[in-house]
Every structure is written in C-alpha cells, then in structure tokens.
Amino acid sequence: MKSLKKKIFFFLLIIFSFAILFIFSSKLINNTTGIAQKIKYFVPQSVRDILRETVFKSKYLEINYSKLNSKYEKVFENDISIATKKLKEISNLNISSDKNKKFILKKFSYPYYDHFSWGKKPPGYVANYKNHLILMSGSGEIIYFKKNEINNNSINFNNLKTNFQKFINIEKYYDKSLYGIRDITVINDELFVSFVDPKSCEKLSILRGKLNFNFINFEKFFSFSGCKNDFNGQDNEGLDNKETITFIGQRSGGRIVKYDEENILFTIGDYSLTLYPPEAQNLKSFYGSLIKINLNSKKTTILAKGLRNPQGLFYDFDNNIILITDHGPDGGDEVNIFDLNNEDFNNYGWPISSYGKHYSSTIERAKSSGELKLLNKGAPLNKSHIDYDFKEPLKYWSPSIGISEVIKIPDSYNKEFINDYLVAAMGGVIMEGDMTLHQIRLSKEFDKIIYEDKIIIEERIRDLYYDKDLNVFILLLGTSPSLGILRVKN
C-alpha cells in the first residue's frame, strides 16, 4: 500500500512539474486566454515568481528586450505619423462574439503611447463633431479628421491648436505619470475636457471652449474644493507614488455627458478617501458622486453617491435612464442604473458595500501606518447593498474586468439589438472578461439583464462611442494603442 501511495505521489509530482514547464513555455508566457490562464491560476504566484527569476529568466529577459524594442519602434512610428499627418491601417479582422455574431474590426495606428508605457496615463479619448472625429491625447494634444477617412487605407489628419497648456503643468503632462485628461465631449458646438488640474490640488476640473478648427480658446468651467490635508487620510490605492502630497490618482472618474440643453452630467471619483468617515458617503461632498452642472449658472446638484471610480457614463434620452460603470477594488466592478422616471437620488454603497475586497497592498499600508481600524470602519466592504439601504448594481464582475465606458446600441445599428448596451473593459486577462465589449440587454422595466454576449477585442478599450452617420462603433484602444472601427458584418 505504501509503495502504491509513493507511486501516486511521484506521478502527481511529475504531472505538476510538467504543468509548470508548460505554463512557462514560450507559448504561454504572457498568454491570458483560455486554458493557459486557468493553468497559471493553479500554480501559486510565489512559485511562478521563483521560476521567472531562475529557470525561465533568460526567456523573460528575451521578452522584456522585445518589449523595449517595440517601445523604441513606437517612438519612430509616432514621429513619422505626426510629421506626415497620417494614421495608417494596421489590421482588418473578422471577429465573432461568444454568441457567434459576426463583426469586422479595422484598426489604425494612433501616434501616442499605451497606458503602461506612459505611466498609466490614459492614451486619449474620442469625440464626434459634425462630419469630423476629434481625438485628444492623454497629454492634451488634439488631432482631427473627416469621418469618411476611416473607409480608406490611411487617415489624413490635422492638428488642432489650443491654449490647453495654459492650464497644466506641461512637464508632468508629458512625463510618465497619471497626469492627463480624463474625457472629452462636444456639447452645443463646444469642446469640454476633464483634466488633472494643478491649480485644484490635482483633482479634476473641466474646461470648455468654442469649437474652431483654427484654434480653441479654453476657459475654466468647473472645479471643486478640497485638498489632501483637508481630510482624515487616504487608503492610497491607485494614487501616483511620485505625488505623495496631492490627489493625483486613478480613482478620479471624470466622464462628461450632455443631459439636456442646459445641463451636463459629470462623474467624480472618491480619490481614495475611504478612511472614516468616507467622503463617498458624505451626502454634501462631491467626492464619489454623479453631479449635474448647469451650463449657464454653473449650479451643481448631486444626483448619486457611493461611487469609487465611475469611468463610464451614458444618458439614455429616449428612456430617461442613466447607466454608470464603476471600478471596484480587487473585484467588484459594477454597472449601475439610475431610472430618472422613478428616482431622484441614488446611493450605490461604496465603500460601505462592495462585491470586491481591499487589495492586500491596501491592507498592508493601513497596518504600517496604524490606520487599519479606520480603514475597516470607513470601508467595511459589506457584500450586500440592499441590506444597508443602497442600490444593488445591475451586474458586477469579480474578478474585475477593468470596466470603462458604457454606451447604447441604437436600433438603427442592427435589428438584432433591442434595448442593448455595450460595456467596455480594459484589464489584461481575457478569460476574466478584460479587453472585451460586453453586450447587455435590459428588461422593459430596466431592472435586470435578460441577455448577454461578449465581443473580445484583445486590447484595453479606453473610450467608445457610436457614430450614427457611419453606423459604426469607434474605439480608442490602449494596448497598441490604436483607433478601432467596429461594424457588423453583413
């Protein structure tokens, strides 16, 4: 019997060893799809770290060298693109959704940098103005071109001059850092930009400027009060490590959408202010909120609280509902709904309730600073929302998908899509739902999801909008980075 147990043990050990070798083979390193990722989850991270620094060190050095080479090539490509004012077509692929819907994804080069190479600065955002598309980079540069250019093999673009640099710290905006813009949108012939504002403790402010393809003269439209020293500490997750005395971080929100002819909607993150009492639950505070701003009087109204980093926002004018996406911590990304026909105010629960958990690094920092009790009191992250008088999300994802923009799929796009929306994801692990467009169909009462599908893009989707003139979806993709054109294949 002992001999049999030994044989079984050694057999399992051999299988385990082969599994490890398989994981770290050239086919699986950096592979985040299917069986590859499942096997990786099976092996403890500590074991993977040891093998990375020993047995497979040369392979990882080779991969890192290749990545470095790609970064240098990207610099040269960007120089050529900006000098020639052309975006070249880099791929044109047939792709299928999980439910076997057929699409064509065409991608053009984009002359700026990816999220990680740029110190986690967003690569940029896209907006529509009449017969043009406008792209603004994370550092604040603007290019534009006629929309019908996307039907060609290359796009001829122009640069749009502005006074944007008047409002920023130029060095930090071009450096590898979280300094950058967070959204752009066109409303009533004006371009609105949310940006990290050095004159507002590195919180987000909004600029507005009359659209003119010769020059845009921006003016400050909105900012709000509060600096780091005004609050009882932060949990520090998502903050820029270089900026220890400011608010600069990933949990800022920043989406701008038109509400009506006189008002816009704007999302504001919690800026890591979770220590007791948490600002996202302070009903008089803008932190962790969805707000409405009057375009004329600048009067502000808080419509919703309990948000962490609301990076997606869509107002469905026809149905009078708002969809908001919100990044969770370690898990718990949410898509939330606000039914304006029946509700005047909503509280989505953060950080009292969340289907995610604190990152281990957040816990360790709180321990080392003696703030763990405050963190647990201010941000207990109870799983239920409704039990604590908060609104439950329409859907949540754990693990997180790196949730970003949300938009409606209009009926004109394709007759198969009825009351459907697209939720975009960034992240890096495809099998978890990252780098994917999630199609969700809502019930007639807008209280539940009755159908889902997934369109895997294999890139971080930073921004997304539907162009009704071209009947396509425009995607700002952050991995290449590139400009994506997605259309249904007839």
Protein backbone atom coordinates (compact mmCIF):
# COMPACT_ATOMS: atom_id res chain seq x y z
CA MET A 1 0.00 0.00 0.00
CA LYS A 2 2.84 2.42 0.91
CA SER A 3 4.54 1.61 -2.37
CA LEU A 4 1.34 2.45 -4.28
CA LYS A 5 0.97 5.78 -2.43
CA LYS A 6 4.57 6.67 -3.28
CA LYS A 7 3.98 5.89 -6.94
CA ILE A 8 0.85 8.05 -6.97
CA PHE A 9 2.73 10.87 -5.21
CA PHE A 10 5.63 10.81 -7.70
CA PHE A 11 3.20 10.54 -10.60
CA LEU A 12 1.35 13.64 -9.42
CA LEU A 13 4.65 15.42 -8.81
CA ILE A 14 5.74 14.69 -12.39
CA ILE A 15 2.40 15.92 -13.75
CA PHE A 16 2.70 19.07 -11.64
CA SER A 17 6.25 19.66 -12.87
CA PHE A 18 5.21 19.28 -16.48
CA ALA A 19 2.33 21.68 -15.85
CA ILE A 20 4.78 24.28 -14.56
CA LEU A 21 7.05 23.80 -17.56
CA PHE A 22 4.00 24.15 -19.79
CA ILE A 23 3.00 27.35 -18.03
CA PHE A 24 6.35 28.96 -18.58
CA SER A 25 6.89 27.73 -22.11
CA SER A 26 7.13 30.38 -24.81
CA LYS A 27 3.56 29.68 -25.89
CA LEU A 28 2.07 30.50 -22.51
CA ILE A 29 4.18 33.33 -21.13
CA ASN A 30 2.05 36.50 -21.39
CA ASN A 31 -0.92 34.45 -22.62
CA THR A 32 -4.09 35.49 -20.77
CA THR A 33 -6.65 33.37 -22.62
CA GLY A 34 -8.40 30.05 -22.08
CA ILE A 35 -6.59 27.02 -20.67
CA ALA A 36 -3.30 28.87 -20.37
CA GLN A 37 -4.65 31.28 -17.79
CA LYS A 38 -6.52 28.53 -15.94
CA ILE A 39 -3.30 26.55 -15.52
CA LYS A 40 -1.50 29.66 -14.31
CA TYR A 41 -4.14 30.15 -11.62
CA PHE A 42 -3.44 26.60 -10.46
CA VAL A 43 0.22 27.39 -9.71
CA PRO A 44 0.91 29.68 -6.71
CA GLN A 45 2.24 33.13 -7.59
CA SER A 46 5.26 32.56 -5.34
CA VAL A 47 6.25 29.50 -7.41
CA ARG A 48 5.82 31.43 -10.65
CA ASP A 49 7.97 34.28 -9.30
CA ILE A 50 10.80 31.88 -8.38
CA LEU A 51 10.73 30.18 -11.79
CA ARG A 52 10.67 33.56 -13.52
CA GLU A 53 13.90 34.52 -11.77
CA THR A 54 15.64 31.15 -12.21
CA VAL A 55 14.68 28.52 -14.79
CA PHE A 56 12.95 30.91 -17.18
CA LYS A 57 14.97 34.03 -16.50
CA SER A 58 16.51 34.09 -19.98
CA LYS A 59 13.08 33.75 -21.59
CA TYR A 60 11.73 36.69 -19.63
CA LEU A 61 14.80 38.76 -20.46
CA GLU A 62 14.14 37.99 -24.10
CA ILE A 63 10.50 39.07 -23.74
CA ASN A 64 11.45 42.29 -21.92
CA TYR A 65 14.06 43.06 -24.60
CA SER A 66 11.38 42.58 -27.27
CA LYS A 67 9.03 44.91 -25.39
CA LEU A 68 11.76 47.54 -25.10
CA ASN A 69 12.43 47.25 -28.83
CA SER A 70 8.73 47.73 -29.52
CA LYS A 71 8.70 50.89 -27.42
CA TYR A 72 11.59 52.34 -29.43
CA GLU A 73 9.84 51.42 -32.69
CA LYS A 74 6.69 53.11 -31.42
CA VAL A 75 8.61 56.37 -30.91
CA PHE A 76 9.81 56.29 -34.54
CA GLU A 77 6.34 55.37 -35.82
CA ASN A 78 4.80 58.24 -33.87
CA ASP A 79 7.35 60.70 -35.28
CA ILE A 80 6.55 59.60 -38.83
CA SER A 81 2.78 59.69 -38.23
CA ILE A 82 2.84 63.19 -36.74
CA ALA A 83 5.22 64.50 -39.45
CA THR A 84 3.17 63.07 -42.33
CA LYS A 85 -0.18 63.64 -40.57
CA LYS A 86 -1.33 60.12 -41.38
CA LEU A 87 -2.78 57.24 -39.39
CA LYS A 88 -2.03 54.01 -41.22
CA GLU A 89 -4.25 50.95 -41.28
CA ILE A 90 -2.60 48.21 -39.22
CA SER A 91 -5.21 45.42 -39.35
CA ASN A 92 -8.64 44.48 -40.66
CA LEU A 93 -10.02 41.39 -38.94
CA ASN A 94 -13.16 39.29 -38.93
CA ILE A 95 -14.17 38.53 -35.35
CA SER A 96 -17.07 36.69 -33.73
CA SER A 97 -18.85 37.24 -30.45
CA ASP A 98 -19.47 34.44 -27.97
CA LYS A 99 -22.98 34.11 -29.45
CA ASN A 100 -21.46 33.94 -32.93
CA LYS A 101 -22.41 37.41 -34.17
CA LYS A 102 -20.01 38.46 -36.92
CA PHE A 103 -18.09 41.74 -36.88
CA ILE A 104 -15.27 43.45 -38.73
CA LEU A 105 -12.66 45.27 -36.64
CA LYS A 106 -10.45 47.69 -38.52
CA LYS A 107 -7.58 49.35 -36.68
CA PHE A 108 -5.49 52.42 -37.45
CA SER A 109 -2.25 53.46 -35.76
CA TYR A 110 -2.50 56.11 -33.07
CA PRO A 111 0.55 58.38 -32.58
CA TYR A 112 0.69 58.35 -28.76
CA TYR A 113 1.59 55.85 -26.06
CA ASP A 114 -0.01 52.95 -24.28
CA HIS A 115 -1.29 53.06 -20.70
CA PHE A 116 1.72 51.38 -19.10
CA SER A 117 4.48 52.99 -21.17
CA TRP A 118 3.00 56.38 -20.27
CA GLY A 119 2.97 55.82 -16.51
CA LYS A 120 -0.72 54.74 -16.54
CA LYS A 121 -1.74 57.99 -18.25
CA PRO A 122 -4.82 57.40 -20.44
CA PRO A 123 -3.73 57.28 -24.11
CA GLY A 124 -6.63 59.50 -25.12
CA TYR A 125 -10.34 59.97 -25.82
CA VAL A 126 -12.53 60.43 -28.89
CA ALA A 127 -15.47 62.71 -29.72
CA ASN A 128 -17.67 63.48 -32.70
CA TYR A 129 -18.29 66.93 -34.19
CA LYS A 130 -20.46 67.22 -37.29
CA ASN A 131 -18.56 65.36 -40.04
CA HIS A 132 -15.30 65.11 -38.06
CA LEU A 133 -13.77 62.91 -35.42
CA ILE A 134 -11.69 64.57 -32.70
CA LEU A 135 -9.03 62.66 -30.73
CA MET A 136 -7.33 64.20 -27.71
CA SER A 137 -4.25 62.51 -26.28
CA GLY A 138 -3.62 61.98 -22.58
CA SER A 139 -1.14 64.86 -22.69
CA GLY A 140 -3.68 67.22 -24.26
CA GLU A 141 -2.76 67.28 -27.95
CA ILE A 142 -5.68 67.22 -30.40
CA ILE A 143 -5.90 65.74 -33.88
CA TYR A 144 -8.99 65.70 -36.10
CA PHE A 145 -10.09 64.32 -39.46
CA LYS A 146 -13.15 63.86 -41.64
CA LYS A 147 -15.14 60.79 -40.64
CA ASN A 148 -15.24 59.28 -44.12
CA GLU A 149 -11.45 58.89 -43.92
CA ILE A 150 -11.98 55.66 -41.98
CA ASN A 151 -13.05 53.98 -45.23
CA ASN A 152 -9.55 54.44 -46.65
CA ASN A 153 -6.29 52.56 -46.01
CA SER A 154 -4.89 55.57 -44.19
CA ILE A 155 -6.36 58.60 -42.44
CA ASN A 156 -5.21 62.13 -43.19
CA PHE A 157 -5.46 64.22 -40.03
CA ASN A 158 -4.74 67.76 -38.88
CA ASN A 159 -3.55 69.16 -35.56
CA LEU A 160 -5.83 71.48 -33.64
CA LYS A 161 -4.15 74.30 -31.76
CA THR A 162 -5.46 75.32 -28.33
CA ASN A 163 -4.44 77.14 -25.18
CA PHE A 164 -4.71 73.93 -23.14
CA GLN A 165 -1.12 74.18 -21.91
CA LYS A 166 -2.03 77.39 -20.09
CA PHE A 167 -3.96 75.29 -17.55
CA ILE A 168 -1.49 72.45 -16.90
CA ASN A 169 1.96 71.54 -15.64
CA ILE A 170 3.47 70.76 -19.05
CA GLU A 171 6.38 68.69 -17.73
CA LYS A 172 4.11 66.40 -15.72
CA TYR A 173 1.59 66.04 -18.54
CA TYR A 174 4.27 64.75 -20.93
CA ASP A 175 6.07 62.71 -18.28
CA LYS A 176 5.26 59.08 -17.40
CA SER A 177 2.61 59.78 -14.78
CA LEU A 178 -1.11 59.83 -14.06
CA TYR A 179 -1.31 63.49 -15.08
CA GLY A 180 -3.58 63.77 -18.10
CA ILE A 181 -7.08 64.27 -19.41
CA ARG A 182 -9.98 62.02 -18.36
CA ASP A 183 -12.63 62.68 -21.02
CA ILE A 184 -13.73 64.91 -23.89
CA THR A 185 -17.18 65.57 -25.28
CA VAL A 186 -18.79 68.03 -27.68
CA ILE A 187 -21.92 69.84 -26.47
CA ASN A 188 -23.60 72.71 -28.33
CA ASP A 189 -20.55 73.40 -30.54
CA GLU A 190 -18.22 73.50 -27.53
CA LEU A 191 -15.49 71.05 -26.56
CA PHE A 192 -15.50 70.05 -22.87
CA VAL A 193 -12.40 68.47 -21.33
CA SER A 194 -11.95 66.98 -17.87
CA PHE A 195 -8.32 67.14 -16.77
CA VAL A 196 -6.00 66.85 -13.80
CA ASP A 197 -5.79 70.44 -12.62
CA PRO A 198 -2.58 71.60 -10.83
CA LYS A 199 -4.49 74.63 -9.51
CA SER A 200 -7.05 72.39 -7.80
CA CYS A 201 -4.76 70.05 -5.82
CA GLU A 202 -4.52 67.72 -8.83
CA LYS A 203 -8.25 67.00 -8.73
CA LEU A 204 -10.25 67.03 -11.94
CA SER A 205 -11.60 70.26 -13.36
CA ILE A 206 -13.49 70.94 -16.59
CA LEU A 207 -12.53 73.26 -19.44
CA ARG A 208 -14.85 74.43 -22.18
CA GLY A 209 -14.05 76.13 -25.47
CA LYS A 210 -15.90 77.09 -28.64
CA LEU A 211 -15.03 74.60 -31.36
CA ASN A 212 -12.96 76.16 -34.10
CA PHE A 213 -10.56 74.12 -36.22
CA ASN A 214 -8.12 77.03 -36.32
CA PHE A 215 -7.85 77.47 -32.55
CA ILE A 216 -9.79 76.60 -29.38
CA ASN A 217 -9.62 79.11 -26.58
CA PHE A 218 -10.42 77.11 -23.44
CA GLU A 219 -11.79 78.64 -20.27
CA LYS A 220 -12.16 77.06 -16.83
CA PHE A 221 -15.76 75.94 -16.42
CA PHE A 222 -15.86 73.83 -13.26
CA SER A 223 -13.68 72.86 -10.31
CA PHE A 224 -14.45 71.94 -6.73
CA SER A 225 -12.86 72.45 -3.34
CA GLY A 226 -10.81 70.20 -1.08
CA CYS A 227 -7.16 69.19 -0.82
CA LYS A 228 -5.49 66.18 0.76
CA ASN A 229 -4.79 67.86 4.09
CA ASP A 230 -8.48 68.70 4.47
CA PHE A 231 -9.33 65.03 5.04
CA ASN A 232 -8.58 62.28 7.50
CA GLY A 233 -6.14 60.38 5.31
CA GLN A 234 -6.44 58.16 2.23
CA ASP A 235 -6.14 54.44 1.64
CA ASN A 236 -3.56 55.33 -1.08
CA GLU A 237 -4.63 52.60 -3.54
CA GLY A 238 -4.47 53.97 -7.07
CA LEU A 239 -2.50 57.08 -6.16
CA ASP A 240 0.57 58.16 -8.09
CA ASN A 241 3.55 57.15 -5.92
CA LYS A 242 5.51 60.14 -7.20
CA GLU A 243 2.95 62.57 -5.81
CA THR A 244 2.72 61.90 -2.08
CA ILE A 245 1.11 65.22 -1.15
CA THR A 246 -1.54 65.53 -3.85
CA PHE A 247 -4.72 63.88 -5.07
CA ILE A 248 -3.36 62.63 -8.40
CA GLY A 249 -4.63 59.10 -8.84
CA GLN A 250 -6.66 56.65 -10.86
CA ARG A 251 -9.81 56.98 -8.75
CA SER A 252 -10.94 60.31 -10.18
CA GLY A 253 -13.83 59.46 -12.52
CA GLY A 254 -14.17 62.31 -14.99
CA ARG A 255 -16.84 61.38 -17.56
CA ILE A 256 -18.85 64.22 -19.10
CA VAL A 257 -22.13 63.73 -20.98
CA LYS A 258 -24.90 66.01 -22.16
CA TYR A 259 -28.07 65.84 -20.06
CA ASP A 260 -30.25 68.48 -21.71
CA GLU A 261 -29.81 71.86 -23.39
CA GLU A 262 -28.91 73.50 -20.08
CA ASN A 263 -27.08 70.81 -18.08
CA ILE A 264 -24.28 68.27 -18.24
CA LEU A 265 -23.57 65.23 -16.08
CA PHE A 266 -20.13 64.66 -14.54
CA THR A 267 -18.69 61.75 -12.54
CA ILE A 268 -16.25 62.30 -9.67
CA GLY A 269 -14.27 59.50 -8.00
CA ASP A 270 -13.67 59.01 -4.29
CA TYR A 271 -9.96 59.96 -4.54
CA SER A 272 -9.10 57.16 -2.11
CA LEU A 273 -10.87 58.96 0.75
CA THR A 274 -12.16 55.81 2.47
CA LEU A 275 -10.82 56.34 5.98
CA TYR A 276 -13.55 57.01 8.49
CA PRO A 277 -15.80 58.80 7.75
CA PRO A 278 -15.62 58.03 3.99
CA GLU A 279 -16.23 61.00 1.71
CA ALA A 280 -18.16 58.91 -0.83
CA GLN A 281 -20.90 58.64 1.83
CA ASN A 282 -20.85 62.32 2.77
CA LEU A 283 -24.08 63.50 1.13
CA LYS A 284 -22.82 67.08 0.92
CA SER A 285 -19.49 66.16 -0.70
CA PHE A 286 -18.78 65.88 -4.44
CA TYR A 287 -16.34 63.01 -3.88
CA GLY A 288 -17.71 59.66 -5.07
CA SER A 289 -20.61 61.32 -6.87
CA LEU A 290 -22.57 61.83 -10.05
CA ILE A 291 -23.40 65.51 -10.35
CA LYS A 292 -25.44 67.71 -12.68
CA ILE A 293 -23.96 71.10 -13.68
CA ASN A 294 -25.92 73.94 -15.26
CA LEU A 295 -24.12 75.29 -18.32
CA ASN A 296 -25.20 78.86 -17.66
CA SER A 297 -25.34 79.36 -13.90
CA LYS A 298 -22.87 76.52 -13.04
CA LYS A 299 -25.28 75.43 -10.32
CA THR A 300 -24.47 71.89 -9.20
CA THR A 301 -26.77 69.14 -7.97
CA ILE A 302 -25.64 65.80 -6.54
CA LEU A 303 -27.67 63.04 -8.19
CA ALA A 304 -25.89 59.97 -6.83
CA LYS A 305 -23.35 58.95 -4.18
CA GLY A 306 -21.40 55.85 -3.22
CA LEU A 307 -19.13 55.66 -6.29
CA ARG A 308 -15.46 54.75 -6.32
CA ASN A 309 -14.06 55.47 -9.79
CA PRO A 310 -17.00 55.97 -12.18
CA GLN A 311 -15.32 55.84 -15.57
CA GLY A 312 -18.33 55.12 -17.77
CA LEU A 313 -21.48 57.23 -18.14
CA PHE A 314 -24.38 57.23 -20.58
CA TYR A 315 -27.65 59.14 -20.54
CA ASP A 316 -30.37 57.36 -22.50
CA PHE A 317 -32.56 60.29 -23.52
CA ASP A 318 -35.31 58.13 -25.03
CA ASN A 319 -35.84 56.09 -21.87
CA ASN A 320 -34.73 58.74 -19.34
CA ILE A 321 -32.23 56.47 -17.62
CA ILE A 322 -28.55 56.83 -16.74
CA LEU A 323 -26.02 53.98 -16.82
CA ILE A 324 -22.85 54.36 -14.73
CA THR A 325 -19.88 52.00 -14.61
CA ASP A 326 -17.68 51.94 -11.53
CA HIS A 327 -14.33 50.32 -10.83
CA GLY A 328 -14.30 48.11 -7.75
CA PRO A 329 -11.16 47.46 -5.71
CA ASP A 330 -9.90 43.85 -6.00
CA GLY A 331 -13.05 42.64 -7.78
CA GLY A 332 -16.49 44.24 -7.73
CA ASP A 333 -16.57 46.26 -10.96
CA GLU A 334 -20.16 47.44 -11.40
CA VAL A 335 -22.63 48.68 -13.95
CA ASN A 336 -25.33 50.70 -12.21
CA ILE A 337 -28.61 52.16 -13.40
CA PHE A 338 -30.46 55.33 -12.45
CA ASP A 339 -34.12 55.39 -13.53
CA LEU A 340 -34.97 59.09 -13.66
CA ASN A 341 -38.63 58.26 -14.22
CA ASN A 342 -38.91 56.87 -10.69
CA GLU A 343 -35.83 58.08 -8.78
CA ASP A 344 -34.47 61.46 -7.71
CA PHE A 345 -31.33 60.23 -5.94
CA ASN A 346 -29.31 57.02 -5.67
CA ASN A 347 -26.60 55.72 -3.38
CA TYR A 348 -24.58 52.81 -4.77
CA GLY A 349 -22.91 51.94 -1.50
CA TRP A 350 -19.16 52.42 -1.85
CA PRO A 351 -17.20 51.94 0.41
CA ILE A 352 -19.73 50.54 2.90
CA SER A 353 -20.81 47.90 0.39
CA SER A 354 -18.87 46.33 -2.47
CA TYR A 355 -18.59 42.92 -4.08
CA GLY A 356 -14.85 43.41 -4.21
CA LYS A 357 -12.25 43.32 -1.44
CA HIS A 358 -9.35 45.51 -0.43
CA TYR A 359 -6.06 44.84 -2.18
CA SER A 360 -3.52 43.16 0.06
CA SER A 361 -1.24 46.17 -0.51
CA THR A 362 -4.00 48.47 0.80
CA ILE A 363 -4.28 46.38 3.97
CA GLU A 364 -0.51 46.33 4.46
CA ARG A 365 -0.21 50.12 4.06
CA ALA A 366 -3.03 50.65 6.55
CA LYS A 367 -1.29 48.33 9.02
CA SER A 368 2.08 50.03 8.66
CA SER A 369 0.55 53.49 9.14
CA GLY A 370 -1.61 52.42 12.08
CA GLU A 371 -4.82 53.18 10.14
CA LEU A 372 -6.26 49.66 9.70
CA LYS A 373 -9.07 50.22 12.20
CA LEU A 374 -10.06 53.44 10.46
CA LEU A 375 -9.99 51.72 7.07
CA ASN A 376 -12.15 48.83 8.26
CA LYS A 377 -14.58 51.22 9.92
CA GLY A 378 -14.86 53.54 6.94
CA ALA A 379 -14.71 50.87 4.25
CA PRO A 380 -16.03 47.54 5.59
CA LEU A 381 -16.97 46.42 2.04
CA ASN A 382 -20.11 44.53 3.02
CA LYS A 383 -21.21 42.27 0.19
CA SER A 384 -24.89 43.15 0.23
CA HIS A 385 -26.00 46.59 -0.89
CA ILE A 386 -29.72 46.40 -0.29
CA ASP A 387 -29.27 45.24 3.33
CA TYR A 388 -27.60 48.59 4.02
CA ASP A 389 -30.17 50.68 2.13
CA PHE A 390 -28.03 51.02 -1.01
CA LYS A 391 -28.94 50.23 -4.60
CA GLU A 392 -27.68 46.92 -5.94
CA PRO A 393 -25.72 47.04 -9.22
CA LEU A 394 -27.33 45.73 -12.39
CA LYS A 395 -24.28 43.48 -12.67
CA TYR A 396 -20.88 43.14 -11.03
CA TRP A 397 -17.71 41.35 -12.06
CA SER A 398 -15.31 39.56 -9.73
CA PRO A 399 -12.51 39.35 -10.76
CA SER A 400 -12.68 42.90 -12.08
CA ILE A 401 -12.72 43.50 -15.83
CA GLY A 402 -11.17 46.96 -15.73
CA ILE A 403 -14.55 48.46 -16.60
CA SER A 404 -14.60 51.67 -18.64
CA GLU A 405 -17.16 53.31 -20.94
CA VAL A 406 -20.82 52.31 -21.45
CA ILE A 407 -22.99 53.30 -24.44
CA LYS A 408 -26.29 52.31 -26.00
CA ILE A 409 -26.55 50.22 -29.17
CA PRO A 410 -29.17 52.16 -31.14
CA ASP A 411 -31.94 50.34 -33.02
CA SER A 412 -30.55 51.72 -36.27
CA TYR A 413 -27.28 49.81 -35.82
CA ASN A 414 -28.80 46.38 -36.32
CA LYS A 415 -32.30 44.98 -35.87
CA GLU A 416 -30.94 42.19 -33.67
CA PHE A 417 -30.07 44.67 -30.93
CA ILE A 418 -33.08 45.78 -28.88
CA ASN A 419 -32.65 47.80 -25.69
CA ASP A 420 -28.98 46.78 -25.68
CA TYR A 421 -25.87 48.47 -24.31
CA LEU A 422 -22.12 47.93 -24.63
CA VAL A 423 -19.86 47.96 -21.58
CA ALA A 424 -16.16 48.27 -22.37
CA ALA A 425 -13.33 46.65 -20.42
CA MET A 426 -9.62 47.31 -20.11
CA GLY A 427 -7.60 44.99 -17.86
CA GLY A 428 -5.23 42.33 -19.14
CA VAL A 429 -6.75 38.87 -18.64
CA ILE A 430 -9.16 37.99 -21.44
CA MET A 431 -10.62 34.93 -19.72
CA GLU A 432 -11.83 37.20 -16.89
CA GLY A 433 -13.71 39.42 -19.35
CA ASP A 434 -10.98 42.02 -19.84
CA MET A 435 -10.22 43.66 -23.22
CA THR A 436 -13.77 42.87 -24.24
CA LEU A 437 -17.02 44.59 -25.19
CA HIS A 438 -19.82 43.20 -23.01
CA GLN A 439 -23.22 43.40 -24.64
CA ILE A 440 -26.07 43.54 -22.14
CA ARG A 441 -29.80 43.64 -22.89
CA LEU A 442 -32.11 45.13 -20.29
CA SER A 443 -35.68 44.18 -19.49
CA LYS A 444 -38.52 46.55 -20.40
CA GLU A 445 -38.54 47.70 -16.77
CA PHE A 446 -34.77 48.35 -16.86
CA ASP A 447 -34.33 46.38 -13.65
CA LYS A 448 -32.40 43.33 -14.86
CA ILE A 449 -30.22 41.95 -17.62
CA ILE A 450 -32.01 39.42 -19.83
CA TYR A 451 -29.28 38.68 -22.40
CA GLU A 452 -25.50 38.91 -22.56
CA ASP A 453 -22.82 38.47 -25.18
CA LYS A 454 -19.09 39.22 -25.39
CA ILE A 455 -17.03 40.62 -28.25
CA ILE A 456 -13.34 40.01 -27.49
CA ILE A 457 -11.24 42.89 -28.85
CA GLU A 458 -7.88 41.76 -27.31
CA GLU A 459 -6.98 45.35 -26.41
CA ARG A 460 -7.66 47.66 -23.49
CA ILE A 461 -10.74 49.68 -24.51
CA ARG A 462 -10.25 53.16 -23.12
CA ASP A 463 -13.05 55.00 -24.93
CA LEU A 464 -16.07 54.08 -27.03
CA TYR A 465 -18.75 55.88 -28.97
CA TYR A 466 -21.31 55.13 -31.67
CA ASP A 467 -21.29 57.16 -34.87
CA LYS A 468 -24.79 57.23 -36.35
CA ASP A 469 -23.63 58.72 -39.68
CA LEU A 470 -21.24 55.85 -40.36
CA ASN A 471 -23.21 53.24 -38.37
CA VAL A 472 -20.03 52.02 -36.65
CA PHE A 473 -18.54 51.96 -33.19
CA ILE A 474 -15.36 53.99 -32.69
CA LEU A 475 -12.93 52.58 -30.10
CA LEU A 476 -9.84 54.19 -28.61
CA LEU A 477 -7.68 51.14 -27.86
CA GLY A 478 -4.93 51.41 -25.29
CA THR A 479 -2.71 48.37 -25.83
CA SER A 480 -1.28 49.05 -29.31
CA PRO A 481 -2.52 51.81 -28.96
CA SER A 482 -4.83 52.27 -31.95
CA LEU A 483 -8.12 53.63 -33.24
CA GLY A 484 -10.63 50.84 -33.79
CA ILE A 485 -13.64 50.78 -36.13
CA LEU A 486 -16.16 48.05 -35.32
CA ARG A 487 -19.03 47.21 -37.66
CA VAL A 488 -21.48 44.34 -38.05
CA LYS A 489 -20.56 42.01 -40.88
CA ASN A 490 -23.49 41.74 -43.28
